[in-house]
Amino acid sequence: MRTILLTAFMCFSAAFCHAQDSIFLRNKTVIPAKVLEIGEANIIYKKANNPSGPDYKVSVNNVKSIVFENGAVEEFNRRVPHPPRPYPRSEQESSRRVETIIKNKKLYPRSLPDNLLSAGYFTGQTVYYDAPDSKLVHGLYVKYQRLLFNEVVGLGIAPFIAFNQKQVGTKFTATAYTKFFGKMRVGVGPYYSISRQEFTRSYWVNATMSGSPSGWVYVDDEKATVGSVGFSAVAMLHLNTSYLLSLGADVGGAVHINKYKTLPESWERQPAGHNVTIGQLSLGIARRF
């Protein structure tokens, strides 16, 4: 009703003044104007009191109606924005959508520093011919890891020491982080380890040796350099944006064992790395920087 009365008033005024259009905005403002163009997004007009002045424009979404100088009225319906598409239309949009989901869920990977420095405890056991070593290894490690390719690949080096077997060495790792579960990342990859340690090795006594039965086995501990390869699995849980809890498991086999002491010529040592399996578990804390 108010709009009709206002329209009538504007038309009445136009009869005694110069002809003009009236633009009614949704905020109840009226603009006396001369409409030049009604576009898809904007309405272009000149002010009624300055018809030779500059052009002005107003968004169609802000206009409720226009009353022209001849009395015609054009209504404008508010445009409803299109609802979001349920599926992206391209791989690029899909990638952006995944990154948005990651940020919205506050997943720490892919948005923080790419360097990890960790330290912790490890324990392990060596198995010879399906017979485990009587002594478990207990030690400490320090590890530096660099995350590459949007944190999908990690390259690391980890010096370690086993204080109960006087073992010192270094492990080199390559880990592919293929799974992300919220604040947790899970990865797997190969490793190579080289260490100097007390190593239990079996020897055979030559059958020609008098007083000894053929095939008699002699087991001895010796200082040796042991190299092994295998696979590592690791799960890392973000405690916050800087610190992570790391849990790892390794399994592999010795590939070369160099002895340090001289043996009698009648003894034959087992082939290097023959049926020697090595397994380890580790628990540590890592920091991103």
Protein backbone atom coordinates (compact mmCIF):
# COMPACT_ATOMS: atom_id res chain seq x y z
CA MET A 1 0.00 0.00 0.00
CA ARG A 2 2.83 2.32 0.90
CA THR A 3 4.54 1.60 -2.41
CA ILE A 4 1.35 2.39 -4.35
CA LEU A 5 0.90 5.71 -2.55
CA LEU A 6 4.53 6.59 -3.11
CA THR A 7 4.22 5.69 -6.78
CA ALA A 8 1.13 7.86 -7.12
CA PHE A 9 2.96 10.71 -5.45
CA MET A 10 5.91 10.40 -7.81
CA CYS A 11 3.62 10.30 -10.83
CA PHE A 12 1.73 13.34 -9.55
CA SER A 13 4.99 15.19 -9.08
CA ALA A 14 6.08 14.22 -12.58
CA ALA A 15 2.91 15.82 -13.99
CA PHE A 16 3.90 19.24 -12.60
CA CYS A 17 7.65 18.87 -12.96
CA HIS A 18 9.85 17.44 -15.65
CA ALA A 19 9.33 13.79 -16.63
CA GLN A 20 11.44 11.27 -14.71
CA ASP A 21 11.74 7.61 -13.70
CA SER A 22 11.75 6.41 -10.10
CA ILE A 23 13.97 3.57 -8.87
CA PHE A 24 12.68 1.95 -5.67
CA LEU A 25 15.42 0.17 -3.70
CA ARG A 26 14.88 -2.67 -1.25
CA ASN A 27 16.10 -0.49 1.61
CA LYS A 28 13.05 1.78 0.92
CA THR A 29 15.14 4.48 -0.77
CA VAL A 30 13.73 6.16 -3.91
CA ILE A 31 16.08 7.47 -6.60
CA PRO A 32 14.62 10.03 -9.05
CA ALA A 33 16.39 9.16 -12.27
CA LYS A 34 16.40 8.71 -15.99
CA VAL A 35 16.97 4.97 -16.62
CA LEU A 36 19.35 4.40 -19.49
CA GLU A 37 19.86 0.65 -19.42
CA ILE A 38 18.63 -2.37 -17.48
CA GLY A 39 21.38 -4.97 -17.63
CA GLU A 40 21.76 -8.50 -16.34
CA ALA A 41 23.60 -7.36 -13.20
CA ASN A 42 23.25 -3.56 -13.01
CA ILE A 43 20.85 -0.72 -13.87
CA ILE A 44 22.50 2.35 -15.42
CA TYR A 45 20.86 5.73 -14.91
CA LYS A 46 21.36 9.48 -14.71
CA LYS A 47 20.13 11.58 -11.84
CA ALA A 48 16.86 13.36 -12.61
CA ASN A 49 18.19 16.70 -11.41
CA ASN A 50 21.29 16.37 -13.59
CA PRO A 51 20.32 14.65 -16.86
CA SER A 52 23.54 15.71 -18.58
CA GLY A 53 25.73 14.52 -15.73
CA PRO A 54 27.65 11.24 -15.26
CA ASP A 55 26.15 7.78 -15.46
CA TYR A 56 25.41 5.88 -12.25
CA LYS A 57 24.66 2.23 -11.71
CA VAL A 58 22.96 0.14 -9.05
CA SER A 59 22.89 -3.62 -8.63
CA VAL A 60 19.71 -5.33 -9.84
CA ASN A 61 19.65 -7.34 -6.59
CA ASN A 62 19.20 -4.08 -4.65
CA VAL A 63 16.28 -2.83 -6.76
CA LYS A 64 12.70 -3.69 -5.90
CA SER A 65 10.94 -1.91 -8.78
CA ILE A 66 11.14 0.90 -11.33
CA VAL A 67 8.27 3.30 -12.13
CA PHE A 68 8.86 4.83 -15.54
CA GLU A 69 7.76 8.33 -16.56
CA ASN A 70 4.83 6.90 -18.54
CA GLY A 71 3.49 5.14 -15.43
CA ALA A 72 4.71 1.62 -16.34
CA VAL A 73 6.05 -0.43 -13.44
CA GLU A 74 8.71 -3.16 -13.61
CA GLU A 75 9.21 -5.43 -10.61
CA PHE A 76 12.51 -7.18 -9.81
CA ASN A 77 12.64 -10.48 -7.92
CA ARG A 78 15.60 -11.10 -5.64
CA ARG A 79 17.99 -13.58 -7.23
CA VAL A 80 18.63 -16.71 -5.23
CA PRO A 81 22.28 -17.85 -5.44
CA HIS A 82 22.85 -21.22 -7.04
CA PRO A 83 23.30 -24.06 -4.52
CA PRO A 84 26.79 -25.59 -4.40
CA ARG A 85 27.41 -28.43 -6.79
CA PRO A 86 27.56 -31.80 -5.07
CA TYR A 87 30.58 -32.84 -7.15
CA PRO A 88 33.44 -30.83 -8.64
CA ARG A 89 33.52 -30.51 -12.41
CA SER A 90 37.27 -30.83 -12.90
CA GLU A 91 40.37 -32.34 -11.34
CA GLN A 92 41.59 -28.87 -10.41
CA GLU A 93 38.36 -28.11 -8.54
CA SER A 94 38.57 -31.55 -6.91
CA SER A 95 42.09 -30.79 -5.67
CA ARG A 96 40.97 -27.44 -4.23
CA ARG A 97 38.02 -29.15 -2.57
CA VAL A 98 40.29 -31.72 -0.92
CA GLU A 99 42.64 -29.00 0.34
CA THR A 100 39.65 -27.08 1.73
CA ILE A 101 38.40 -30.18 3.55
CA ILE A 102 41.86 -30.74 5.01
CA LYS A 103 42.04 -27.17 6.32
CA ASN A 104 38.48 -27.24 7.66
CA LYS A 105 39.20 -30.43 9.59
CA LYS A 106 42.41 -28.86 10.89
CA LEU A 107 44.56 -31.69 9.62
CA TYR A 108 48.13 -30.80 10.50
CA PRO A 109 49.86 -32.48 7.49
CA ARG A 110 50.45 -30.37 4.35
CA SER A 111 50.34 -27.06 6.21
CA LEU A 112 53.28 -27.11 8.66
CA PRO A 113 57.12 -27.21 8.47
CA ASP A 114 58.59 -30.15 6.53
CA ASN A 115 61.35 -31.13 8.99
CA LEU A 116 60.89 -33.75 11.71
CA LEU A 117 63.38 -34.38 14.51
CA SER A 118 62.56 -37.31 16.79
CA ALA A 119 64.11 -39.34 19.57
CA GLY A 120 63.03 -42.41 21.47
CA TYR A 121 63.50 -45.98 22.60
CA PHE A 122 63.77 -49.13 20.49
CA THR A 123 63.96 -52.84 21.17
CA GLY A 124 64.63 -55.74 18.82
CA GLN A 125 65.66 -59.34 18.36
CA THR A 126 67.75 -61.33 15.92
CA VAL A 127 66.64 -64.77 14.72
CA TYR A 128 69.08 -67.39 13.39
CA TYR A 129 67.63 -70.42 11.63
CA ASP A 130 64.25 -69.78 13.33
CA ALA A 131 65.98 -69.72 16.74
CA PRO A 132 65.84 -66.28 18.45
CA ASP A 133 68.84 -64.70 20.08
CA SER A 134 68.71 -65.06 23.86
CA LYS A 135 69.25 -61.32 24.35
CA LEU A 136 66.85 -58.58 23.32
CA VAL A 137 68.37 -55.36 22.06
CA HIS A 138 67.52 -52.23 24.07
CA GLY A 139 68.65 -48.82 22.90
CA LEU A 140 68.00 -45.20 22.00
CA TYR A 141 67.76 -43.47 18.63
CA VAL A 142 67.68 -39.97 17.17
CA LYS A 143 66.11 -39.42 13.74
CA TYR A 144 65.94 -36.55 11.27
CA GLN A 145 63.36 -36.77 8.49
CA ARG A 146 62.65 -34.42 5.60
CA LEU A 147 59.13 -34.44 4.14
CA LEU A 148 58.85 -34.03 0.37
CA PHE A 149 56.19 -33.88 -2.36
CA ASN A 150 53.45 -32.33 -0.25
CA GLU A 151 54.45 -34.52 2.71
CA VAL A 152 53.82 -37.79 0.85
CA VAL A 153 57.47 -38.95 1.00
CA GLY A 154 59.86 -38.78 3.94
CA LEU A 155 63.64 -39.34 3.74
CA GLY A 156 65.37 -39.95 7.06
CA ILE A 157 68.61 -40.82 8.83
CA ALA A 158 68.62 -42.29 12.34
CA PRO A 159 71.79 -42.90 14.41
CA PHE A 160 71.23 -45.38 17.24
CA ILE A 161 72.99 -47.07 20.12
CA ALA A 162 72.09 -50.29 21.96
CA PHE A 163 73.50 -49.96 25.45
CA ASN A 164 73.10 -53.63 26.45
CA GLN A 165 74.94 -55.08 23.42
CA LYS A 166 77.45 -52.30 22.74
CA GLN A 167 75.85 -51.74 19.34
CA VAL A 168 76.34 -48.49 17.42
CA GLY A 169 74.95 -47.79 13.97
CA THR A 170 72.88 -45.70 11.58
CA LYS A 171 69.67 -46.40 9.70
CA PHE A 172 68.59 -44.79 6.42
CA THR A 173 64.86 -44.75 5.64
CA ALA A 174 62.50 -43.82 2.82
CA THR A 175 58.84 -43.68 3.84
CA ALA A 176 55.72 -43.21 1.72
CA TYR A 177 52.87 -41.68 3.76
CA THR A 178 49.88 -42.99 1.83
CA LYS A 179 47.23 -42.81 4.57
CA PHE A 180 46.01 -39.86 6.64
CA PHE A 181 43.45 -40.35 9.40
CA GLY A 182 42.64 -37.00 10.98
CA LYS A 183 45.73 -36.10 12.99
CA MET A 184 47.43 -39.44 12.26
CA ARG A 185 49.63 -40.38 9.32
CA VAL A 186 50.64 -43.94 8.42
CA GLY A 187 53.59 -44.79 6.20
CA VAL A 188 55.66 -47.70 4.96
CA GLY A 189 58.95 -47.97 3.11
CA PRO A 190 62.39 -49.61 2.82
CA TYR A 191 65.38 -49.08 5.10
CA TYR A 192 69.08 -49.89 5.17
CA SER A 193 70.96 -50.25 8.46
CA ILE A 194 74.68 -50.52 9.16
CA SER A 195 76.05 -51.19 12.66
CA ARG A 196 79.00 -52.53 14.61
CA GLN A 197 77.87 -54.93 17.30
CA GLU A 198 78.27 -58.19 19.15
CA PHE A 199 77.02 -60.73 16.68
CA THR A 200 76.27 -64.41 17.29
CA ARG A 201 77.56 -66.58 14.46
CA SER A 202 77.54 -70.34 13.88
CA TYR A 203 80.55 -72.34 12.65
CA TRP A 204 80.99 -75.87 11.41
CA VAL A 205 83.92 -78.07 12.41
CA ASN A 206 85.54 -79.77 9.42
CA ALA A 207 84.84 -83.52 9.32
CA THR A 208 88.57 -84.24 8.91
CA MET A 209 89.26 -82.86 12.37
CA SER A 210 89.98 -85.81 14.67
CA GLY A 211 87.71 -86.43 17.62
CA SER A 212 84.88 -84.23 16.32
CA PRO A 213 81.73 -85.57 14.68
CA SER A 214 80.85 -84.34 11.22
CA GLY A 215 78.49 -81.38 11.26
CA TRP A 216 79.18 -80.35 14.83
CA VAL A 217 78.15 -76.68 15.23
CA TYR A 218 80.03 -74.12 17.25
CA VAL A 219 78.24 -70.89 18.21
CA ASP A 220 80.27 -67.86 19.18
CA ASP A 221 79.80 -64.13 19.77
CA GLU A 222 82.14 -61.81 17.93
CA LYS A 223 82.49 -58.17 17.03
CA ALA A 224 81.18 -57.66 13.51
CA THR A 225 79.89 -55.05 11.11
CA VAL A 226 76.34 -55.99 10.15
CA GLY A 227 74.35 -54.51 7.28
CA SER A 228 70.65 -55.23 6.89
CA VAL A 229 67.77 -54.20 4.65
CA GLY A 230 64.05 -54.47 5.20
CA PHE A 231 60.81 -52.56 5.52
CA SER A 232 59.60 -50.10 8.12
CA ALA A 233 56.03 -49.23 9.08
CA VAL A 234 55.37 -46.08 11.08
CA ALA A 235 52.33 -44.35 12.57
CA MET A 236 52.67 -40.71 13.64
CA LEU A 237 50.01 -38.90 15.70
CA HIS A 238 49.98 -35.10 16.00
CA LEU A 239 49.68 -34.10 19.65
CA ASN A 240 49.56 -30.45 18.51
CA THR A 241 50.96 -28.40 15.64
CA SER A 242 54.56 -28.94 16.80
CA TYR A 243 54.85 -32.37 18.45
CA LEU A 244 54.01 -35.89 17.32
CA LEU A 245 53.98 -39.35 18.86
CA SER A 246 55.83 -41.89 16.71
CA LEU A 247 55.35 -45.69 16.72
CA GLY A 248 57.42 -47.86 14.37
CA ALA A 249 58.04 -51.50 13.46
CA ASP A 250 60.89 -52.89 11.32
CA VAL A 251 61.55 -56.31 9.85
CA GLY A 252 64.49 -57.23 7.65
CA GLY A 253 67.43 -59.50 7.10
CA ALA A 254 71.21 -59.23 7.25
CA VAL A 255 72.83 -58.83 3.84
CA HIS A 256 76.49 -58.68 4.85
CA ILE A 257 78.36 -59.58 8.03
CA ASN A 258 82.08 -58.89 8.28
CA LYS A 259 83.87 -60.75 11.09
CA TYR A 260 86.59 -59.11 13.14
CA LYS A 261 88.45 -62.04 14.67
CA THR A 262 90.61 -64.79 13.17
CA LEU A 263 89.27 -68.37 13.23
CA PRO A 264 91.06 -71.73 12.89
CA GLU A 265 91.37 -72.88 9.31
CA SER A 266 89.32 -76.00 10.07
CA TRP A 267 86.24 -73.92 10.89
CA GLU A 268 83.75 -72.84 8.23
CA ARG A 269 81.60 -69.84 9.04
CA GLN A 270 78.02 -69.53 7.90
CA PRO A 271 77.37 -67.44 4.76
CA ALA A 272 76.94 -63.74 5.44
CA GLY A 273 73.30 -62.94 6.15
CA HIS A 274 72.18 -66.52 5.70
CA ASN A 275 68.82 -67.01 7.49
CA VAL A 276 69.41 -64.05 9.79
CA THR A 277 66.21 -62.06 10.46
CA ILE A 278 66.13 -58.83 12.43
CA GLY A 279 63.01 -57.21 13.92
CA GLN A 280 62.57 -54.01 15.93
CA LEU A 281 59.89 -51.89 17.62
CA SER A 282 60.33 -48.20 18.44
CA LEU A 283 58.48 -45.49 20.36
CA GLY A 284 59.42 -41.81 20.31
CA ILE A 285 58.48 -38.14 20.25
CA ALA A 286 58.98 -36.00 17.13
CA ARG A 287 59.01 -32.24 16.65
CA ARG A 288 58.30 -30.28 13.48
CA PHE A 289 60.53 -27.34 12.60
